[in-house]
Amino acid sequence: MSLRHLVLFRFKPTATAQEVAGLIEQFGRLPREIPGILGFEHGLDNSPEGLAKGFTHAFLVTFENAAARDAYLPHLAHKAFVERVGPSLDDVLVIDYAPQAAVR
């Protein structure tokens, strides 16, 4: 069963647009460097509700299964990304879940 890894970033006010773009690019390379990633997508918050609590960037990584996620977390490429992005972040929120079919 696939597993979703939802990551939300709130960047520090000092993070430049160029810096953020470079970090997003590095994050986007991880599927080519780490086996078991089925999908990667990202986007900017555009909700009119105003409930994002300062989180502006959303990333959704889809793994083949929980074992693939477990291999991703300590992978050198992921650790390098975490080390690079960390100083630019004010906060991060991560939620992993197994997708469930919608009730109709």
C-alpha atoms as a PDB file:
ATOM      1  CA  MET A   1       0.000   0.000   0.000  1.00  0.00           C
ATOM      2  CA  SER A   2       1.369   3.420  -0.915  1.00  0.00           C
ATOM      3  CA  LEU A   3       2.202   6.003   1.709  1.00  0.00           C
ATOM      4  CA  ARG A   4       1.934   9.803   1.498  1.00  0.00           C
ATOM      5  CA  HIS A   5       4.490  12.106   3.133  1.00  0.00           C
ATOM      6  CA  LEU A   6       3.027  15.609   3.452  1.00  0.00           C
ATOM      7  CA  VAL A   7       5.551  18.335   4.271  1.00  0.00           C
ATOM      8  CA  LEU A   8       4.677  21.985   4.982  1.00  0.00           C
ATOM      9  CA  PHE A   9       7.340  24.702   5.209  1.00  0.00           C
ATOM     10  CA  ARG A  10       7.204  28.114   6.852  1.00  0.00           C
ATOM     11  CA  PHE A  11      10.314  29.941   5.718  1.00  0.00           C
ATOM     12  CA  LYS A  12      12.079  32.557   7.785  1.00  0.00           C
ATOM     13  CA  PRO A  13      11.441  36.138   6.634  1.00  0.00           C
ATOM     14  CA  THR A  14      15.158  36.356   5.782  1.00  0.00           C
ATOM     15  CA  ALA A  15      14.922  33.542   3.200  1.00  0.00           C
ATOM     16  CA  THR A  16      15.254  35.063  -0.265  1.00  0.00           C
ATOM     17  CA  ALA A  17      13.161  34.013  -3.249  1.00  0.00           C
ATOM     18  CA  GLN A  18      16.320  32.696  -4.939  1.00  0.00           C
ATOM     19  CA  GLU A  19      17.221  30.652  -1.842  1.00  0.00           C
ATOM     20  CA  VAL A  20      13.712  29.179  -1.621  1.00  0.00           C
ATOM     21  CA  ALA A  21      13.721  28.314  -5.336  1.00  0.00           C
ATOM     22  CA  GLY A  22      17.043  26.488  -4.938  1.00  0.00           C
ATOM     23  CA  LEU A  23      15.735  24.510  -1.968  1.00  0.00           C
ATOM     24  CA  ILE A  24      12.599  23.498  -3.858  1.00  0.00           C
ATOM     25  CA  GLU A  25      14.770  22.381  -6.770  1.00  0.00           C
ATOM     26  CA  GLN A  26      16.927  20.273  -4.431  1.00  0.00           C
ATOM     27  CA  PHE A  27      13.851  18.706  -2.816  1.00  0.00           C
ATOM     28  CA  GLY A  28      12.499  17.917  -6.292  1.00  0.00           C
ATOM     29  CA  ARG A  29      15.661  15.981  -7.185  1.00  0.00           C
ATOM     30  CA  LEU A  30      15.178  13.470  -4.359  1.00  0.00           C
ATOM     31  CA  PRO A  31      12.848  11.171  -6.378  1.00  0.00           C
ATOM     32  CA  ARG A  32      15.677  10.637  -8.884  1.00  0.00           C
ATOM     33  CA  GLU A  33      18.165   9.920  -6.102  1.00  0.00           C
ATOM     34  CA  ILE A  34      16.152   7.750  -3.707  1.00  0.00           C
ATOM     35  CA  PRO A  35      14.406   4.515  -4.713  1.00  0.00           C
ATOM     36  CA  GLY A  36      10.805   3.889  -3.727  1.00  0.00           C
ATOM     37  CA  ILE A  37       9.427   7.371  -4.454  1.00  0.00           C
ATOM     38  CA  LEU A  38       6.453   7.089  -6.800  1.00  0.00           C
ATOM     39  CA  GLY A  39       5.500  10.754  -6.957  1.00  0.00           C
ATOM     40  CA  PHE A  40       6.496  14.247  -5.920  1.00  0.00           C
ATOM     41  CA  GLU A  41       4.465  17.426  -6.185  1.00  0.00           C
ATOM     42  CA  HIS A  42       4.591  20.837  -4.590  1.00  0.00           C
ATOM     43  CA  GLY A  43       2.805  24.139  -4.566  1.00  0.00           C
ATOM     44  CA  LEU A  44       2.197  27.418  -2.786  1.00  0.00           C
ATOM     45  CA  ASP A  45      -0.659  27.998  -0.390  1.00  0.00           C
ATOM     46  CA  ASN A  46      -3.484  29.887  -2.071  1.00  0.00           C
ATOM     47  CA  SER A  47      -6.302  29.170   0.350  1.00  0.00           C
ATOM     48  CA  PRO A  48      -8.667  32.097   0.967  1.00  0.00           C
ATOM     49  CA  GLU A  49      -9.454  30.771   4.473  1.00  0.00           C
ATOM     50  CA  GLY A  50      -6.371  32.251   6.127  1.00  0.00           C
ATOM     51  CA  LEU A  51      -5.733  29.150   8.246  1.00  0.00           C
ATOM     52  CA  ALA A  52      -2.234  28.259   6.985  1.00  0.00           C
ATOM     53  CA  LYS A  53      -0.527  29.641  10.110  1.00  0.00           C
ATOM     54  CA  GLY A  54       2.309  31.018   8.010  1.00  0.00           C
ATOM     55  CA  PHE A  55       3.034  27.761   6.170  1.00  0.00           C
ATOM     56  CA  THR A  56       3.462  28.728   2.533  1.00  0.00           C
ATOM     57  CA  HIS A  57       4.919  25.735   0.707  1.00  0.00           C
ATOM     58  CA  ALA A  58       3.392  22.249   0.524  1.00  0.00           C
ATOM     59  CA  PHE A  59       5.122  19.101  -0.721  1.00  0.00           C
ATOM     60  CA  LEU A  60       3.561  15.687  -1.212  1.00  0.00           C
ATOM     61  CA  VAL A  61       5.883  12.720  -1.630  1.00  0.00           C
ATOM     62  CA  THR A  62       4.278   9.386  -2.460  1.00  0.00           C
ATOM     63  CA  PHE A  63       6.196   6.258  -1.512  1.00  0.00           C
ATOM     64  CA  GLU A  64       5.652   2.675  -2.679  1.00  0.00           C
ATOM     65  CA  ASN A  65       5.065   1.685   0.937  1.00  0.00           C
ATOM     66  CA  ALA A  66       6.124   2.414   4.512  1.00  0.00           C
ATOM     67  CA  ALA A  67       9.396   0.522   4.010  1.00  0.00           C
ATOM     68  CA  ALA A  68      10.336   2.904   1.170  1.00  0.00           C
ATOM     69  CA  ARG A  69       9.601   5.876   3.447  1.00  0.00           C
ATOM     70  CA  ASP A  70      11.667   4.303   6.200  1.00  0.00           C
ATOM     71  CA  ALA A  71      14.601   3.925   3.780  1.00  0.00           C
ATOM     72  CA  TYR A  72      14.163   7.548   2.569  1.00  0.00           C
ATOM     73  CA  LEU A  73      14.421   9.151   6.003  1.00  0.00           C
ATOM     74  CA  PRO A  74      18.061   8.160   6.731  1.00  0.00           C
ATOM     75  CA  HIS A  75      19.150   8.286   3.054  1.00  0.00           C
ATOM     76  CA  LEU A  76      22.196  10.514   2.537  1.00  0.00           C
ATOM     77  CA  ALA A  77      20.453  12.629  -0.137  1.00  0.00           C
ATOM     78  CA  HIS A  78      17.500  13.293   2.177  1.00  0.00           C
ATOM     79  CA  LYS A  79      19.759  14.067   5.129  1.00  0.00           C
ATOM     80  CA  ALA A  80      21.761  16.517   2.958  1.00  0.00           C
ATOM     81  CA  PHE A  81      18.536  18.261   1.940  1.00  0.00           C
ATOM     82  CA  VAL A  82      17.320  18.491   5.549  1.00  0.00           C
ATOM     83  CA  GLU A  83      20.666  19.965   6.587  1.00  0.00           C
ATOM     84  CA  ARG A  84      20.537  22.525   3.772  1.00  0.00           C
ATOM     85  CA  VAL A  85      16.904  23.599   4.252  1.00  0.00           C
ATOM     86  CA  GLY A  86      16.973  23.716   8.054  1.00  0.00           C
ATOM     87  CA  PRO A  87      18.608  27.132   8.516  1.00  0.00           C
ATOM     88  CA  SER A  88      16.021  28.719   6.173  1.00  0.00           C
ATOM     89  CA  LEU A  89      12.975  27.360   7.997  1.00  0.00           C
ATOM     90  CA  ASP A  90      10.977  28.988  10.723  1.00  0.00           C
ATOM     91  CA  ASP A  91       8.921  25.788  11.097  1.00  0.00           C
ATOM     92  CA  VAL A  92       8.101  22.518   9.358  1.00  0.00           C
ATOM     93  CA  LEU A  93       5.130  20.175   9.683  1.00  0.00           C
ATOM     94  CA  VAL A  94       5.265  16.576   8.475  1.00  0.00           C
ATOM     95  CA  ILE A  95       2.388  14.115   8.353  1.00  0.00           C
ATOM     96  CA  ASP A  96       2.583  10.621   6.892  1.00  0.00           C
ATOM     97  CA  TYR A  97      -0.554   8.695   6.033  1.00  0.00           C
ATOM     98  CA  ALA A  98      -1.822   5.728   4.069  1.00  0.00           C
ATOM     99  CA  PRO A  99      -4.438   7.024   1.618  1.00  0.00           C
ATOM    100  CA  GLN A 100      -7.969   5.816   2.260  1.00  0.00           C
ATOM    101  CA  ALA A 101     -10.765   5.667  -0.265  1.00  0.00           C
ATOM    102  CA  ALA A 102     -13.324   8.416   0.057  1.00  0.00           C
ATOM    103  CA  VAL A 103     -16.644   7.429   1.580  1.00  0.00           C
ATOM    104  CA  ARG A 104     -19.492   7.961  -0.837  1.00  0.00           C
END
